[in-house]
Amino acid sequence: MKIIGTEDLKASLRFALDPQRQTAGDRVLLTVLEIMQIVGEGRIDPEDGKAEEARRIKRPSRKSSSDPAGSWDLAQGAYWMSYNETVQIPDGGVLVLQPHQTLMKNGLWHPTLFVRDWAEVQGILVVVTVRGVRMMEGSPLSTGFLVS
């Protein structure tokens, strides 16, 4: 088992806003592109194997003339967030994604993911706790490392 270093990480990262800033050592930084709020209930039935996804609504970012980057004001709740970037994972490799420290310091959380195929990553469930938060477009969402 080997952790992939900076130069190979840069080569595997696509659509990065700032590849220099988003790769350091053996870590990659992934940022938020889009946010959907989970507002309805889903259904999971072990008897017949059917599942219905919970209803989601897109949260458009707000932009102002003084700040070209948009932002979202997120209240307590569950959100589905997608990434700006994609990562090419080598055959036999695993990408480990963890919440970025700025999320946790602001009362947000997402599970750690072990990803073998980026095509399986549709987004990530993020929980906002009691405080709420304002997130800017391109804010850090996850920190990851590649293992081959």
C-alpha atoms as a PDB file:
ATOM      1  CA  MET A   1       0.000   0.000   0.000  1.00  0.00           C
ATOM      2  CA  LYS A   2       1.408   3.378  -1.059  1.00  0.00           C
ATOM      3  CA  ILE A   3       0.048   6.911  -0.629  1.00  0.00           C
ATOM      4  CA  ILE A   4       0.289   8.896  -3.872  1.00  0.00           C
ATOM      5  CA  GLY A   5       2.312  12.133  -3.705  1.00  0.00           C
ATOM      6  CA  THR A   6       1.736  15.693  -4.956  1.00  0.00           C
ATOM      7  CA  GLU A   7       2.761  15.423  -8.622  1.00  0.00           C
ATOM      8  CA  ASP A   8       0.680  12.303  -9.244  1.00  0.00           C
ATOM      9  CA  LEU A   9      -2.230  13.908  -7.369  1.00  0.00           C
ATOM     10  CA  LYS A  10      -2.075  16.971  -9.640  1.00  0.00           C
ATOM     11  CA  ALA A  11      -2.184  14.676 -12.666  1.00  0.00           C
ATOM     12  CA  SER A  12      -5.269  12.883 -11.326  1.00  0.00           C
ATOM     13  CA  LEU A  13      -7.235  16.041 -10.427  1.00  0.00           C
ATOM     14  CA  ARG A  14      -9.615  17.482 -13.064  1.00  0.00           C
ATOM     15  CA  PHE A  15     -11.507  20.802 -13.114  1.00  0.00           C
ATOM     16  CA  ALA A  16      -9.630  22.157 -10.091  1.00  0.00           C
ATOM     17  CA  LEU A  17     -10.100  25.865  -9.358  1.00  0.00           C
ATOM     18  CA  ASP A  18      -6.441  26.170  -8.255  1.00  0.00           C
ATOM     19  CA  PRO A  19      -4.422  22.923  -8.635  1.00  0.00           C
ATOM     20  CA  GLN A  20      -1.389  24.379  -6.811  1.00  0.00           C
ATOM     21  CA  ARG A  21      -3.458  25.280  -3.741  1.00  0.00           C
ATOM     22  CA  GLN A  22      -5.558  22.117  -3.902  1.00  0.00           C
ATOM     23  CA  THR A  23      -2.683  19.636  -3.787  1.00  0.00           C
ATOM     24  CA  ALA A  24      -0.073  19.649  -1.062  1.00  0.00           C
ATOM     25  CA  GLY A  25       2.023  16.714   0.068  1.00  0.00           C
ATOM     26  CA  ASP A  26      -0.168  13.664  -0.210  1.00  0.00           C
ATOM     27  CA  ARG A  27      -3.485  15.531   0.193  1.00  0.00           C
ATOM     28  CA  VAL A  28      -6.032  16.837  -2.278  1.00  0.00           C
ATOM     29  CA  LEU A  29      -8.636  19.511  -1.472  1.00  0.00           C
ATOM     30  CA  LEU A  30     -12.080  19.224  -3.094  1.00  0.00           C
ATOM     31  CA  THR A  31     -14.491  22.171  -3.217  1.00  0.00           C
ATOM     32  CA  VAL A  32     -18.261  22.672  -3.347  1.00  0.00           C
ATOM     33  CA  LEU A  33     -20.014  23.271  -6.681  1.00  0.00           C
ATOM     34  CA  GLU A  34     -23.706  22.839  -5.985  1.00  0.00           C
ATOM     35  CA  ILE A  35     -25.937  22.350  -2.948  1.00  0.00           C
ATOM     36  CA  MET A  36     -29.296  20.609  -2.722  1.00  0.00           C
ATOM     37  CA  GLN A  37     -31.334  20.600   0.465  1.00  0.00           C
ATOM     38  CA  ILE A  38     -32.954  17.336   1.490  1.00  0.00           C
ATOM     39  CA  VAL A  39     -36.547  18.299   2.270  1.00  0.00           C
ATOM     40  CA  GLY A  40     -38.715  15.207   1.926  1.00  0.00           C
ATOM     41  CA  GLU A  41     -38.694  11.730   3.277  1.00  0.00           C
ATOM     42  CA  GLY A  42     -37.310   8.780   1.373  1.00  0.00           C
ATOM     43  CA  ARG A  43     -38.364   5.158   1.515  1.00  0.00           C
ATOM     44  CA  ILE A  44     -36.202   2.079   1.978  1.00  0.00           C
ATOM     45  CA  ASP A  45     -37.971  -1.278   2.049  1.00  0.00           C
ATOM     46  CA  PRO A  46     -35.893  -4.369   2.836  1.00  0.00           C
ATOM     47  CA  GLU A  47     -38.792  -6.677   1.973  1.00  0.00           C
ATOM     48  CA  ASP A  48     -39.025  -5.885  -1.742  1.00  0.00           C
ATOM     49  CA  GLY A  49     -35.667  -4.132  -2.183  1.00  0.00           C
ATOM     50  CA  LYS A  50     -37.299  -0.917  -3.360  1.00  0.00           C
ATOM     51  CA  ALA A  51     -35.942   2.466  -2.411  1.00  0.00           C
ATOM     52  CA  GLU A  52     -37.123   5.973  -3.153  1.00  0.00           C
ATOM     53  CA  GLU A  53     -34.754   8.907  -2.712  1.00  0.00           C
ATOM     54  CA  ALA A  54     -35.739  11.725  -0.414  1.00  0.00           C
ATOM     55  CA  ARG A  55     -36.923  14.851  -2.213  1.00  0.00           C
ATOM     56  CA  ARG A  56     -34.201  17.438  -2.831  1.00  0.00           C
ATOM     57  CA  ILE A  57     -34.439  21.053  -3.895  1.00  0.00           C
ATOM     58  CA  LYS A  58     -31.599  22.959  -5.489  1.00  0.00           C
ATOM     59  CA  ARG A  59     -30.335  25.877  -3.427  1.00  0.00           C
ATOM     60  CA  PRO A  60     -29.217  28.537  -5.895  1.00  0.00           C
ATOM     61  CA  SER A  61     -26.247  30.571  -4.765  1.00  0.00           C
ATOM     62  CA  ARG A  62     -26.731  34.286  -4.175  1.00  0.00           C
ATOM     63  CA  LYS A  63     -24.385  36.659  -5.937  1.00  0.00           C
ATOM     64  CA  SER A  64     -23.805  40.336  -5.353  1.00  0.00           C
ATOM     65  CA  SER A  65     -22.023  42.973  -7.400  1.00  0.00           C
ATOM     66  CA  SER A  66     -19.393  43.353  -4.672  1.00  0.00           C
ATOM     67  CA  ASP A  67     -18.593  39.627  -4.610  1.00  0.00           C
ATOM     68  CA  PRO A  68     -18.616  37.639  -7.869  1.00  0.00           C
ATOM     69  CA  ALA A  69     -18.580  34.318  -5.988  1.00  0.00           C
ATOM     70  CA  GLY A  70     -22.000  33.184  -4.852  1.00  0.00           C
ATOM     71  CA  SER A  71     -22.870  32.021  -1.371  1.00  0.00           C
ATOM     72  CA  TRP A  72     -25.432  29.885   0.408  1.00  0.00           C
ATOM     73  CA  ASP A  73     -26.919  30.488   3.858  1.00  0.00           C
ATOM     74  CA  LEU A  74     -27.518  27.010   5.241  1.00  0.00           C
ATOM     75  CA  ALA A  75     -29.679  26.384   8.279  1.00  0.00           C
ATOM     76  CA  GLN A  76     -29.570  23.253  10.399  1.00  0.00           C
ATOM     77  CA  GLY A  77     -30.327  20.212   8.272  1.00  0.00           C
ATOM     78  CA  ALA A  78     -29.081  17.716   5.721  1.00  0.00           C
ATOM     79  CA  TYR A  79     -27.700  18.749   2.337  1.00  0.00           C
ATOM     80  CA  TRP A  80     -26.448  16.938  -0.735  1.00  0.00           C
ATOM     81  CA  MET A  81     -23.340  18.679  -2.112  1.00  0.00           C
ATOM     82  CA  SER A  82     -21.490  18.074  -5.350  1.00  0.00           C
ATOM     83  CA  TYR A  83     -17.840  18.701  -6.078  1.00  0.00           C
ATOM     84  CA  ASN A  84     -16.224  21.095  -8.574  1.00  0.00           C
ATOM     85  CA  GLU A  85     -13.487  18.571  -9.243  1.00  0.00           C
ATOM     86  CA  THR A  86     -13.180  14.984 -10.357  1.00  0.00           C
ATOM     87  CA  VAL A  87     -10.380  12.587  -9.439  1.00  0.00           C
ATOM     88  CA  GLN A  88      -9.002   9.858 -11.677  1.00  0.00           C
ATOM     89  CA  ILE A  89      -8.446   6.903  -9.379  1.00  0.00           C
ATOM     90  CA  PRO A  90      -5.814   4.426 -10.640  1.00  0.00           C
ATOM     91  CA  ASP A  91      -6.758   0.769 -11.098  1.00  0.00           C
ATOM     92  CA  GLY A  92      -6.622  -0.935  -7.730  1.00  0.00           C
ATOM     93  CA  GLY A  93      -6.460   2.441  -5.969  1.00  0.00           C
ATOM     94  CA  VAL A  94      -8.714   3.946  -3.327  1.00  0.00           C
ATOM     95  CA  LEU A  95      -9.492   7.613  -2.707  1.00  0.00           C
ATOM     96  CA  VAL A  96     -10.215   8.348   0.955  1.00  0.00           C
ATOM     97  CA  LEU A  97     -12.357  11.479   1.452  1.00  0.00           C
ATOM     98  CA  GLN A  98     -12.751  13.128   4.856  1.00  0.00           C
ATOM     99  CA  PRO A  99     -14.468  16.359   5.919  1.00  0.00           C
ATOM    100  CA  HIS A 100     -12.211  19.386   5.515  1.00  0.00           C
ATOM    101  CA  GLN A 101     -11.223  20.874   8.886  1.00  0.00           C
ATOM    102  CA  THR A 102     -13.072  24.151   8.152  1.00  0.00           C
ATOM    103  CA  LEU A 103     -16.330  22.188   7.889  1.00  0.00           C
ATOM    104  CA  MET A 104     -15.877  20.570  11.271  1.00  0.00           C
ATOM    105  CA  LYS A 105     -14.777  23.820  12.917  1.00  0.00           C
ATOM    106  CA  ASN A 106     -18.040  25.393  11.716  1.00  0.00           C
ATOM    107  CA  GLY A 107     -20.330  22.602  12.891  1.00  0.00           C
ATOM    108  CA  LEU A 108     -20.649  20.691   9.599  1.00  0.00           C
ATOM    109  CA  TRP A 109     -19.893  17.045   9.023  1.00  0.00           C
ATOM    110  CA  HIS A 110     -19.833  14.432   6.295  1.00  0.00           C
ATOM    111  CA  PRO A 111     -18.933  10.744   6.422  1.00  0.00           C
ATOM    112  CA  THR A 112     -15.539   9.426   5.401  1.00  0.00           C
ATOM    113  CA  LEU A 113     -15.774   7.770   1.977  1.00  0.00           C
ATOM    114  CA  PHE A 114     -13.568   5.076   0.456  1.00  0.00           C
ATOM    115  CA  VAL A 115     -13.940   5.450  -3.319  1.00  0.00           C
ATOM    116  CA  ARG A 116     -12.660   2.998  -5.933  1.00  0.00           C
ATOM    117  CA  ASP A 117     -14.414   4.568  -8.944  1.00  0.00           C
ATOM    118  CA  TRP A 118     -15.106   8.319  -9.181  1.00  0.00           C
ATOM    119  CA  ALA A 119     -18.184   7.604 -11.335  1.00  0.00           C
ATOM    120  CA  GLU A 120     -19.832   6.320  -8.145  1.00  0.00           C
ATOM    121  CA  VAL A 121     -19.433   9.723  -6.453  1.00  0.00           C
ATOM    122  CA  GLN A 122     -22.614  11.659  -7.202  1.00  0.00           C
ATOM    123  CA  GLY A 123     -21.998  13.981  -4.267  1.00  0.00           C
ATOM    124  CA  ILE A 124     -21.793  13.751  -0.517  1.00  0.00           C
ATOM    125  CA  LEU A 125     -24.245  14.077   2.355  1.00  0.00           C
ATOM    126  CA  VAL A 126     -23.330  17.026   4.581  1.00  0.00           C
ATOM    127  CA  VAL A 127     -25.016  17.655   7.931  1.00  0.00           C
ATOM    128  CA  VAL A 128     -25.242  21.225   9.216  1.00  0.00           C
ATOM    129  CA  THR A 129     -25.678  21.379  12.984  1.00  0.00           C
ATOM    130  CA  VAL A 130     -27.568  23.923  15.069  1.00  0.00           C
ATOM    131  CA  ARG A 131     -25.483  26.998  14.220  1.00  0.00           C
ATOM    132  CA  GLY A 132     -25.979  27.105  10.471  1.00  0.00           C
ATOM    133  CA  VAL A 133     -23.319  28.454   8.122  1.00  0.00           C
ATOM    134  CA  ARG A 134     -22.698  30.693   5.109  1.00  0.00           C
ATOM    135  CA  MET A 135     -20.749  28.818   2.431  1.00  0.00           C
ATOM    136  CA  MET A 136     -19.113  30.496  -0.528  1.00  0.00           C
ATOM    137  CA  GLU A 137     -18.865  28.886  -3.968  1.00  0.00           C
ATOM    138  CA  GLY A 138     -15.593  26.977  -4.116  1.00  0.00           C
ATOM    139  CA  SER A 139     -15.375  26.529  -0.337  1.00  0.00           C
ATOM    140  CA  PRO A 140     -13.341  23.551   0.906  1.00  0.00           C
ATOM    141  CA  LEU A 141     -15.569  20.508   1.309  1.00  0.00           C
ATOM    142  CA  SER A 142     -13.338  17.450   1.570  1.00  0.00           C
ATOM    143  CA  THR A 143      -9.720  16.520   2.032  1.00  0.00           C
ATOM    144  CA  GLY A 144      -8.589  13.313   0.436  1.00  0.00           C
ATOM    145  CA  PHE A 145      -5.645  11.071  -0.275  1.00  0.00           C
ATOM    146  CA  LEU A 146      -5.063   8.369  -2.866  1.00  0.00           C
ATOM    147  CA  VAL A 147      -3.765   4.937  -1.924  1.00  0.00           C
ATOM    148  CA  SER A 148      -2.528   2.485  -4.544  1.00  0.00           C
END
